[in-house]
N, C-alpha and C. Protein backbone atom coordinates (compact mmCIF):
# COMPACT_ATOMS: atom_id res chain seq x y z
N MET A 1 113.24 97.29 17.60
CA MET A 1 114.42 97.59 18.37
C MET A 1 115.65 97.46 17.50
N GLU A 2 116.54 98.39 17.62
CA GLU A 2 117.81 98.31 16.91
C GLU A 2 118.83 97.69 17.84
N TRP A 3 119.96 97.26 17.24
CA TRP A 3 121.07 96.72 18.03
C TRP A 3 121.48 97.77 19.05
N GLN A 4 121.65 97.34 20.27
CA GLN A 4 122.12 98.24 21.31
C GLN A 4 123.25 97.56 22.06
N GLU A 5 124.30 98.29 22.32
CA GLU A 5 125.38 97.74 23.13
C GLU A 5 124.94 97.74 24.58
N TRP A 6 125.81 97.19 25.43
CA TRP A 6 125.51 97.11 26.85
C TRP A 6 125.09 98.46 27.38
N GLN A 7 124.12 98.42 28.29
CA GLN A 7 123.64 99.62 28.95
C GLN A 7 123.50 99.33 30.43
N GLY A 8 123.53 100.37 31.21
CA GLY A 8 123.26 100.19 32.63
C GLY A 8 121.84 99.67 32.81
N HIS A 9 121.60 98.99 33.90
CA HIS A 9 120.29 98.37 34.08
C HIS A 9 119.14 99.36 34.17
N HIS A 10 119.42 100.58 34.56
CA HIS A 10 118.35 101.57 34.60
C HIS A 10 117.88 101.94 33.19
N GLN A 11 118.67 101.60 32.15
CA GLN A 11 118.29 101.87 30.76
C GLN A 11 117.99 100.59 29.99
N GLU A 12 118.14 99.43 30.59
CA GLU A 12 117.93 98.15 29.91
C GLU A 12 116.47 98.09 29.46
N PRO A 13 116.21 97.83 28.16
CA PRO A 13 114.85 97.93 27.64
C PRO A 13 113.80 97.07 28.35
N LEU A 14 114.17 95.93 28.90
CA LEU A 14 113.18 95.08 29.54
C LEU A 14 113.23 95.12 31.07
N GLN A 15 113.99 96.06 31.62
CA GLN A 15 114.19 96.08 33.07
C GLN A 15 112.89 96.23 33.85
N GLU A 16 111.92 96.94 33.34
CA GLU A 16 110.68 97.09 34.12
C GLU A 16 109.96 95.76 34.28
N TYR A 17 110.18 94.84 33.33
CA TYR A 17 109.51 93.54 33.39
C TYR A 17 110.20 92.59 34.36
N TRP A 18 111.53 92.67 34.46
CA TRP A 18 112.17 91.81 35.44
C TRP A 18 112.13 92.40 36.83
N GLN A 19 111.83 93.68 36.94
CA GLN A 19 111.59 94.25 38.27
C GLN A 19 110.17 93.93 38.75
N ASP A 20 109.25 93.84 37.78
CA ASP A 20 107.86 93.48 38.10
C ASP A 20 107.37 92.52 37.02
N PRO A 21 107.65 91.22 37.17
CA PRO A 21 107.32 90.23 36.14
C PRO A 21 105.84 90.16 35.77
N SER A 22 104.95 90.59 36.65
CA SER A 22 103.52 90.55 36.32
C SER A 22 103.18 91.44 35.12
N LYS A 23 104.03 92.42 34.82
CA LYS A 23 103.81 93.31 33.69
C LYS A 23 104.01 92.61 32.33
N LEU A 24 104.63 91.42 32.33
CA LEU A 24 104.89 90.71 31.06
C LEU A 24 103.61 90.42 30.29
N LYS A 25 102.50 90.31 30.98
CA LYS A 25 101.24 90.03 30.29
C LYS A 25 100.87 91.15 29.33
N ASP A 26 101.39 92.34 29.55
CA ASP A 26 101.10 93.51 28.71
C ASP A 26 102.22 93.83 27.72
N PHE A 27 103.25 93.00 27.69
CA PHE A 27 104.39 93.26 26.82
C PHE A 27 103.99 93.14 25.35
N VAL A 28 104.31 94.14 24.57
CA VAL A 28 103.98 94.16 23.14
C VAL A 28 105.15 93.56 22.37
N THR A 29 104.90 92.48 21.64
CA THR A 29 105.98 91.79 20.93
C THR A 29 106.05 92.16 19.46
N VAL A 30 104.99 92.65 18.88
CA VAL A 30 104.96 92.97 17.45
C VAL A 30 105.90 94.14 17.20
N PRO A 31 106.73 94.12 16.20
CA PRO A 31 106.90 93.16 15.12
C PRO A 31 108.05 92.17 15.36
N TYR A 32 108.51 92.02 16.60
CA TYR A 32 109.69 91.20 16.88
C TYR A 32 109.32 89.79 17.33
N GLU A 33 110.25 88.86 17.10
CA GLU A 33 110.02 87.47 17.49
C GLU A 33 110.92 87.05 18.65
N ASN A 34 112.07 87.67 18.79
CA ASN A 34 113.06 87.25 19.79
C ASN A 34 113.47 88.44 20.65
N PHE A 35 113.69 88.14 21.92
CA PHE A 35 114.06 89.18 22.87
C PHE A 35 115.18 88.67 23.77
N VAL A 36 116.04 89.58 24.18
CA VAL A 36 117.13 89.25 25.08
C VAL A 36 117.13 90.32 26.17
N THR A 37 117.34 89.88 27.39
CA THR A 37 117.51 90.83 28.48
C THR A 37 118.70 90.38 29.32
N SER A 38 119.31 91.31 29.98
CA SER A 38 120.50 91.03 30.78
C SER A 38 120.23 91.47 32.21
N ILE A 39 120.29 90.51 33.14
CA ILE A 39 119.97 90.82 34.53
C ILE A 39 121.17 90.45 35.41
N SER A 40 121.94 91.43 35.79
CA SER A 40 123.09 91.17 36.67
C SER A 40 122.61 90.90 38.09
N CYS A 41 123.50 90.28 38.84
CA CYS A 41 123.19 90.03 40.25
C CYS A 41 124.40 90.42 41.07
N PRO A 42 124.29 91.45 41.84
CA PRO A 42 123.11 92.32 41.94
C PRO A 42 123.11 93.34 40.82
N TYR A 43 121.95 93.93 40.57
CA TYR A 43 121.89 95.12 39.73
C TYR A 43 121.63 96.27 40.69
N TYR A 44 121.84 97.46 40.20
CA TYR A 44 121.69 98.62 41.08
C TYR A 44 120.52 99.47 40.63
N LYS A 45 119.69 99.83 41.58
CA LYS A 45 118.55 100.72 41.34
C LYS A 45 118.61 101.77 42.44
N ASP A 46 118.55 103.02 42.04
CA ASP A 46 118.66 104.13 42.99
C ASP A 46 119.92 103.99 43.86
N LYS A 47 120.99 103.56 43.21
CA LYS A 47 122.31 103.41 43.82
C LYS A 47 122.36 102.37 44.93
N LYS A 48 121.36 101.47 44.95
CA LYS A 48 121.33 100.41 45.95
C LYS A 48 121.31 99.05 45.26
N PRO A 49 122.09 98.08 45.78
CA PRO A 49 122.11 96.75 45.16
C PRO A 49 120.76 96.05 45.32
N GLN A 50 120.31 95.43 44.23
CA GLN A 50 119.05 94.69 44.22
C GLN A 50 119.33 93.25 43.79
N THR A 51 118.71 92.30 44.46
CA THR A 51 118.81 90.91 44.04
C THR A 51 117.65 90.63 43.11
N PRO A 52 117.95 90.22 41.88
CA PRO A 52 116.87 89.98 40.91
C PRO A 52 115.95 88.84 41.34
N LYS A 53 114.73 88.92 40.88
CA LYS A 53 113.74 87.87 41.10
C LYS A 53 113.79 86.93 39.90
N TYR A 54 114.92 86.24 39.73
CA TYR A 54 115.12 85.40 38.55
C TYR A 54 114.00 84.38 38.37
N SER A 55 113.74 83.58 39.39
CA SER A 55 112.75 82.51 39.25
C SER A 55 111.38 83.08 38.93
N GLU A 56 111.00 84.14 39.61
CA GLU A 56 109.70 84.77 39.37
C GLU A 56 109.61 85.29 37.93
N PHE A 57 110.66 85.96 37.48
CA PHE A 57 110.67 86.49 36.11
C PHE A 57 110.62 85.36 35.08
N ILE A 58 111.45 84.34 35.27
CA ILE A 58 111.50 83.22 34.31
C ILE A 58 110.17 82.49 34.27
N ASN A 59 109.60 82.21 35.42
CA ASN A 59 108.31 81.50 35.45
C ASN A 59 107.21 82.30 34.76
N GLU A 60 107.20 83.59 34.97
CA GLU A 60 106.19 84.43 34.30
C GLU A 60 106.46 84.50 32.80
N ALA A 61 107.72 84.65 32.42
CA ALA A 61 108.06 84.73 31.00
C ALA A 61 107.70 83.45 30.26
N LYS A 62 107.83 82.30 30.92
CA LYS A 62 107.51 81.02 30.30
C LYS A 62 106.03 80.91 29.93
N LYS A 63 105.19 81.73 30.52
CA LYS A 63 103.76 81.74 30.16
C LYS A 63 103.55 82.30 28.75
N TYR A 64 104.50 83.10 28.27
CA TYR A 64 104.32 83.81 27.01
C TYR A 64 105.39 83.50 25.97
N PHE A 65 106.55 83.01 26.41
CA PHE A 65 107.69 82.83 25.52
C PHE A 65 108.39 81.50 25.78
N GLU A 66 109.18 81.08 24.79
CA GLU A 66 110.14 80.01 25.03
C GLU A 66 111.34 80.70 25.66
N VAL A 67 111.72 80.27 26.83
CA VAL A 67 112.76 80.96 27.60
C VAL A 67 114.04 80.12 27.62
N LYS A 68 115.14 80.79 27.38
CA LYS A 68 116.46 80.18 27.51
C LYS A 68 117.28 81.07 28.44
N VAL A 69 117.86 80.45 29.44
CA VAL A 69 118.65 81.18 30.42
C VAL A 69 120.12 80.95 30.11
N LEU A 70 120.84 82.04 29.90
CA LEU A 70 122.27 81.97 29.63
C LEU A 70 123.01 82.71 30.72
N VAL A 71 124.11 82.14 31.14
CA VAL A 71 124.99 82.80 32.09
C VAL A 71 126.29 83.09 31.35
N ILE A 72 126.69 84.33 31.36
CA ILE A 72 127.94 84.70 30.71
C ILE A 72 129.08 84.43 31.69
N ALA A 73 129.93 83.49 31.31
CA ALA A 73 131.06 83.11 32.16
C ALA A 73 132.27 83.97 31.83
N ARG A 74 132.99 84.33 32.86
CA ARG A 74 134.24 85.07 32.73
C ARG A 74 135.29 84.35 33.55
N ASP A 75 136.53 84.65 33.29
CA ASP A 75 137.60 84.15 34.14
C ASP A 75 137.30 84.61 35.57
N ARG A 76 137.38 83.70 36.52
CA ARG A 76 136.96 84.02 37.90
C ARG A 76 137.80 85.13 38.52
N ASN A 77 139.09 85.19 38.19
CA ASN A 77 139.94 86.23 38.76
C ASN A 77 139.61 87.59 38.16
N ILE A 78 139.40 87.63 36.86
CA ILE A 78 139.04 88.88 36.20
C ILE A 78 137.67 89.34 36.69
N LEU A 79 136.73 88.40 36.82
CA LEU A 79 135.40 88.75 37.30
C LEU A 79 135.46 89.36 38.70
N LYS A 80 136.24 88.76 39.56
CA LYS A 80 136.36 89.28 40.93
C LYS A 80 136.95 90.69 40.91
N LEU A 81 138.03 90.89 40.14
CA LEU A 81 138.64 92.22 40.06
C LEU A 81 137.67 93.25 39.48
N GLN A 82 136.92 92.84 38.44
CA GLN A 82 135.96 93.76 37.83
C GLN A 82 134.87 94.15 38.83
N GLN A 83 134.34 93.18 39.56
CA GLN A 83 133.29 93.47 40.52
C GLN A 83 133.80 94.36 41.65
N GLN A 84 135.01 94.11 42.10
CA GLN A 84 135.58 94.95 43.15
C GLN A 84 135.79 96.37 42.63
N ARG A 85 136.22 96.49 41.37
CA ARG A 85 136.45 97.82 40.78
C ARG A 85 135.14 98.57 40.60
N VAL A 86 134.13 97.90 40.05
CA VAL A 86 132.88 98.57 39.69
C VAL A 86 131.89 98.63 40.86
N ARG A 87 131.80 97.56 41.62
CA ARG A 87 130.80 97.48 42.68
C ARG A 87 131.36 97.66 44.09
N GLY A 88 132.69 97.65 44.18
CA GLY A 88 133.30 97.79 45.49
C GLY A 88 133.37 96.51 46.29
N GLU A 89 132.90 95.40 45.72
CA GLU A 89 132.94 94.11 46.41
C GLU A 89 132.79 92.98 45.40
N HIS A 90 133.23 91.80 45.81
CA HIS A 90 133.08 90.59 44.99
C HIS A 90 131.65 90.10 45.17
N THR A 91 130.85 90.13 44.10
CA THR A 91 129.42 89.80 44.21
C THR A 91 129.05 88.46 43.60
N THR A 92 130.00 87.72 43.05
CA THR A 92 129.68 86.42 42.46
C THR A 92 128.96 85.50 43.45
N PRO A 93 129.36 85.46 44.72
CA PRO A 93 128.64 84.59 45.66
C PRO A 93 127.13 84.88 45.73
N LYS A 94 126.74 86.14 45.57
CA LYS A 94 125.31 86.49 45.58
C LYS A 94 124.60 85.83 44.39
N PHE A 95 125.26 85.83 43.24
CA PHE A 95 124.66 85.18 42.07
C PHE A 95 124.64 83.67 42.25
N MET A 96 125.70 83.11 42.81
CA MET A 96 125.76 81.66 43.00
C MET A 96 124.59 81.18 43.87
N ASP A 97 124.17 81.97 44.85
CA ASP A 97 123.00 81.62 45.64
C ASP A 97 121.75 81.57 44.77
N GLN A 98 121.64 82.49 43.82
CA GLN A 98 120.48 82.53 42.92
C GLN A 98 120.53 81.38 41.90
N LEU A 99 121.74 81.05 41.46
CA LEU A 99 121.92 80.01 40.44
C LEU A 99 121.40 78.66 40.92
N LYS A 100 121.46 78.41 42.22
CA LYS A 100 120.96 77.14 42.77
C LYS A 100 119.50 76.90 42.41
N ASN A 101 118.74 77.97 42.22
CA ASN A 101 117.30 77.87 41.97
C ASN A 101 116.94 77.87 40.48
N LEU A 102 117.94 77.92 39.61
CA LEU A 102 117.67 78.00 38.17
C LEU A 102 117.96 76.67 37.50
N ASP A 103 117.02 76.20 36.70
CA ASP A 103 117.18 74.94 35.97
C ASP A 103 117.52 75.23 34.51
N ASP A 104 118.09 74.25 33.86
CA ASP A 104 118.35 74.30 32.42
C ASP A 104 119.07 75.58 31.99
N VAL A 105 120.21 75.81 32.62
CA VAL A 105 121.01 77.01 32.34
C VAL A 105 122.08 76.67 31.31
N HIS A 106 122.28 77.56 30.36
CA HIS A 106 123.35 77.43 29.37
C HIS A 106 124.45 78.42 29.76
N PHE A 107 125.70 77.99 29.62
CA PHE A 107 126.81 78.86 29.94
C PHE A 107 127.50 79.28 28.65
N VAL A 108 127.74 80.56 28.51
CA VAL A 108 128.45 81.09 27.35
C VAL A 108 129.69 81.81 27.87
N SER A 109 130.71 81.89 27.04
CA SER A 109 132.01 82.36 27.50
C SER A 109 132.41 83.69 26.89
N HIS A 110 132.67 84.64 27.75
CA HIS A 110 133.18 85.94 27.33
C HIS A 110 134.53 85.77 26.63
N GLU A 111 135.40 84.94 27.21
CA GLU A 111 136.73 84.74 26.63
C GLU A 111 136.65 84.04 25.27
N ALA A 112 135.74 83.06 25.12
CA ALA A 112 135.59 82.37 23.84
C ALA A 112 135.11 83.33 22.76
N LEU A 113 134.27 84.29 23.12
CA LEU A 113 133.81 85.29 22.15
C LEU A 113 135.00 86.07 21.60
N TYR A 114 135.87 86.53 22.48
CA TYR A 114 137.03 87.30 22.02
C TYR A 114 138.02 86.45 21.23
N LEU A 115 138.13 85.18 21.58
CA LEU A 115 139.09 84.31 20.91
C LEU A 115 138.57 83.83 19.55
N TYR A 116 137.35 83.34 19.51
CA TYR A 116 136.82 82.71 18.29
C TYR A 116 135.85 83.59 17.52
N GLN A 117 135.40 84.66 18.08
CA GLN A 117 134.59 85.70 17.44
C GLN A 117 133.35 85.14 16.73
N GLY A 118 133.19 85.43 15.45
CA GLY A 118 132.00 85.03 14.71
C GLY A 118 131.76 83.53 14.70
N LYS A 119 132.82 82.75 14.67
CA LYS A 119 132.66 81.28 14.69
C LYS A 119 132.03 80.83 16.00
N TYR A 120 132.42 81.46 17.10
CA TYR A 120 131.83 81.12 18.39
C TYR A 120 130.34 81.48 18.40
N LEU A 121 130.02 82.67 17.91
CA LEU A 121 128.62 83.09 17.88
C LEU A 121 127.79 82.17 16.98
N LYS A 122 128.36 81.75 15.88
CA LYS A 122 127.64 80.83 14.98
C LYS A 122 127.37 79.50 15.70
N SER A 123 128.33 79.02 16.47
CA SER A 123 128.12 77.76 17.20
C SER A 123 127.05 77.95 18.28
N LEU A 124 127.01 79.12 18.92
CA LEU A 124 125.96 79.39 19.91
C LEU A 124 124.59 79.40 19.25
N GLU A 125 124.51 80.01 18.09
CA GLU A 125 123.24 80.06 17.37
C GLU A 125 122.71 78.65 17.13
N LYS A 126 123.59 77.77 16.74
CA LYS A 126 123.20 76.39 16.47
C LYS A 126 122.83 75.66 17.77
N GLN A 127 123.67 75.78 18.78
CA GLN A 127 123.42 75.09 20.06
C GLN A 127 122.13 75.56 20.73
N LEU A 128 121.86 76.84 20.67
CA LEU A 128 120.72 77.41 21.36
C LEU A 128 119.46 77.46 20.51
N ASP A 129 119.61 77.23 19.19
CA ASP A 129 118.49 77.38 18.26
C ASP A 129 117.85 78.76 18.46
N PHE A 130 118.72 79.77 18.38
CA PHE A 130 118.31 81.15 18.61
C PHE A 130 119.18 82.03 17.73
N PRO A 131 118.59 82.99 17.02
CA PRO A 131 119.39 83.82 16.11
C PRO A 131 120.44 84.66 16.85
N VAL A 132 121.66 84.61 16.34
CA VAL A 132 122.78 85.35 16.90
C VAL A 132 123.47 86.08 15.75
N ALA A 133 123.84 87.32 15.96
CA ALA A 133 124.42 88.15 14.90
C ALA A 133 125.88 87.78 14.64
N HIS A 134 126.12 86.54 14.22
CA HIS A 134 127.50 86.07 14.01
C HIS A 134 128.11 86.57 12.72
N ASN A 135 127.31 87.01 11.77
CA ASN A 135 127.85 87.42 10.48
C ASN A 135 127.82 88.94 10.27
N HIS A 136 127.56 89.70 11.31
CA HIS A 136 127.60 91.16 11.21
C HIS A 136 129.02 91.62 11.55
N THR A 137 129.92 91.47 10.58
CA THR A 137 131.35 91.67 10.85
C THR A 137 131.68 93.08 11.31
N THR A 138 131.05 94.09 10.77
CA THR A 138 131.35 95.46 11.19
C THR A 138 130.97 95.65 12.65
N LEU A 139 129.80 95.20 13.01
CA LEU A 139 129.32 95.30 14.38
C LEU A 139 130.21 94.50 15.32
N LEU A 140 130.53 93.29 14.92
CA LEU A 140 131.38 92.41 15.73
C LEU A 140 132.79 92.98 15.88
N ASP A 141 133.37 93.43 14.77
CA ASP A 141 134.71 94.03 14.82
C ASP A 141 134.74 95.24 15.74
N ASP A 142 133.70 96.06 15.67
CA ASP A 142 133.63 97.25 16.52
C ASP A 142 133.54 96.86 17.98
N PHE A 143 132.70 95.87 18.29
CA PHE A 143 132.54 95.42 19.68
C PHE A 143 133.83 94.82 20.22
N LEU A 144 134.51 94.02 19.41
CA LEU A 144 135.70 93.30 19.86
C LEU A 144 136.99 94.11 19.79
N LYS A 145 136.88 95.33 19.27
CA LYS A 145 138.06 96.18 19.09
C LYS A 145 138.83 96.37 20.40
N LYS A 146 138.12 96.57 21.47
CA LYS A 146 138.76 96.80 22.76
C LYS A 146 138.44 95.62 23.68
N ASP A 147 139.45 94.88 24.04
CA ASP A 147 139.27 93.71 24.90
C ASP A 147 139.11 94.18 26.35
N ALA A 148 137.96 93.92 26.92
CA ALA A 148 137.66 94.36 28.28
C ALA A 148 138.57 93.72 29.32
N ASN A 149 139.26 92.64 28.98
CA ASN A 149 140.13 91.97 29.94
C ASN A 149 141.52 92.61 30.04
N MET A 150 141.92 93.37 29.03
CA MET A 150 143.30 93.86 28.98
C MET A 150 143.69 94.68 30.22
N LYS A 151 142.77 95.40 30.80
CA LYS A 151 143.13 96.21 31.97
C LYS A 151 143.48 95.35 33.18
N TYR A 152 143.17 94.05 33.12
CA TYR A 152 143.46 93.15 34.23
C TYR A 152 144.67 92.26 33.97
N ILE A 153 145.25 92.34 32.79
CA ILE A 153 146.33 91.45 32.39
C ILE A 153 147.68 92.16 32.53
N ASN A 154 148.61 91.50 33.20
CA ASN A 154 149.97 92.01 33.33
C ASN A 154 150.94 90.87 33.07
N ALA A 155 152.04 91.17 32.41
CA ALA A 155 153.06 90.16 32.17
C ALA A 155 153.70 89.76 33.49
N VAL A 156 154.11 88.50 33.58
CA VAL A 156 154.77 88.01 34.78
C VAL A 156 156.12 87.41 34.40
N GLU A 157 156.97 87.25 35.38
CA GLU A 157 158.27 86.63 35.14
C GLU A 157 158.07 85.17 34.79
N LYS A 158 158.96 84.65 33.99
CA LYS A 158 158.93 83.25 33.62
C LYS A 158 159.11 82.41 34.88
N GLY A 159 158.28 81.36 35.02
CA GLY A 159 158.32 80.53 36.22
C GLY A 159 158.69 79.09 35.90
N GLU A 160 158.70 78.25 36.95
CA GLU A 160 159.09 76.85 36.82
C GLU A 160 158.20 76.10 35.82
N PHE A 161 156.91 76.34 35.87
CA PHE A 161 156.00 75.66 34.95
C PHE A 161 156.34 76.02 33.50
N ASP A 162 156.69 77.26 33.27
CA ASP A 162 157.06 77.69 31.92
C ASP A 162 158.29 76.93 31.44
N ASP A 163 159.27 76.76 32.31
CA ASP A 163 160.48 76.02 31.95
C ASP A 163 160.13 74.58 31.57
N GLN A 164 159.22 73.97 32.32
CA GLN A 164 158.81 72.59 32.04
C GLN A 164 158.07 72.52 30.70
N ALA A 165 157.25 73.51 30.42
CA ALA A 165 156.52 73.53 29.15
C ALA A 165 157.47 73.67 27.97
N VAL A 166 158.50 74.50 28.12
CA VAL A 166 159.51 74.67 27.07
C VAL A 166 160.23 73.35 26.83
N LYS A 167 160.65 72.67 27.91
CA LYS A 167 161.33 71.38 27.78
C LYS A 167 160.44 70.37 27.08
N ALA A 168 159.17 70.32 27.44
CA ALA A 168 158.23 69.36 26.85
C ALA A 168 158.03 69.64 25.36
N SER A 169 158.07 70.90 24.97
CA SER A 169 157.87 71.22 23.56
C SER A 169 159.08 70.87 22.70
N LEU A 170 160.23 70.68 23.33
CA LEU A 170 161.45 70.36 22.60
C LEU A 170 161.67 68.86 22.46
N ILE A 171 160.87 68.06 23.13
CA ILE A 171 161.02 66.61 23.07
C ILE A 171 160.33 66.08 21.83
N ASP A 172 161.05 65.27 21.04
CA ASP A 172 160.43 64.64 19.87
C ASP A 172 159.60 63.46 20.35
N SER A 173 158.41 63.33 19.78
CA SER A 173 157.56 62.22 20.20
C SER A 173 157.69 61.06 19.26
C-alpha cells in the first residue's frame, strides 16, 4: 500500500473488514507489518448513516494483531460546525455513546498536528510505539499546506478578557 490521503469510507481500504469483522481471518498482511483504518461515527453507506461495530471489529482484530485505538480530537466547536456542514447534524453524541464501550483509547490532536507538525508526529510514534511518517517533510508540508480549521475561524472584536491579558503582560514580576 502506498501513502493515501483521507478518503471517503466507501473507498477506505479496510472498510469491508470493519463492516464485517469476521472477514479479518482472511486478511492478507504480506508484505506489510502495520495497518491503519479510520472509522467515523457515523459513517455513511448508500447515503445512510451507519453506526460502526467498534467493539466487534476491535475484538476480532485483536485475534490477529496488536490493536491500538486512537481518537482524533478536534476543537469541539469546530467539530460541531464541521459535522453540521458535512452531515447536516452534530454527530459527536453518537460517537460518545460508542466511546463508553471502548477501553485503552489514545487521544491524538488535530490542532497539535498543525501546530507542532513533525515534532508532534515523532512524539506520537514514541508514545504509541508505532511507526509514524514524522520525517517525510514533503508529504507533511503538502498535507499541512491548507489548514482545515481556517474556514471556521473569524476575527472578533477585542473583549474584556483581552484587556486583562494585555494588562497582565505589562506587569513586571
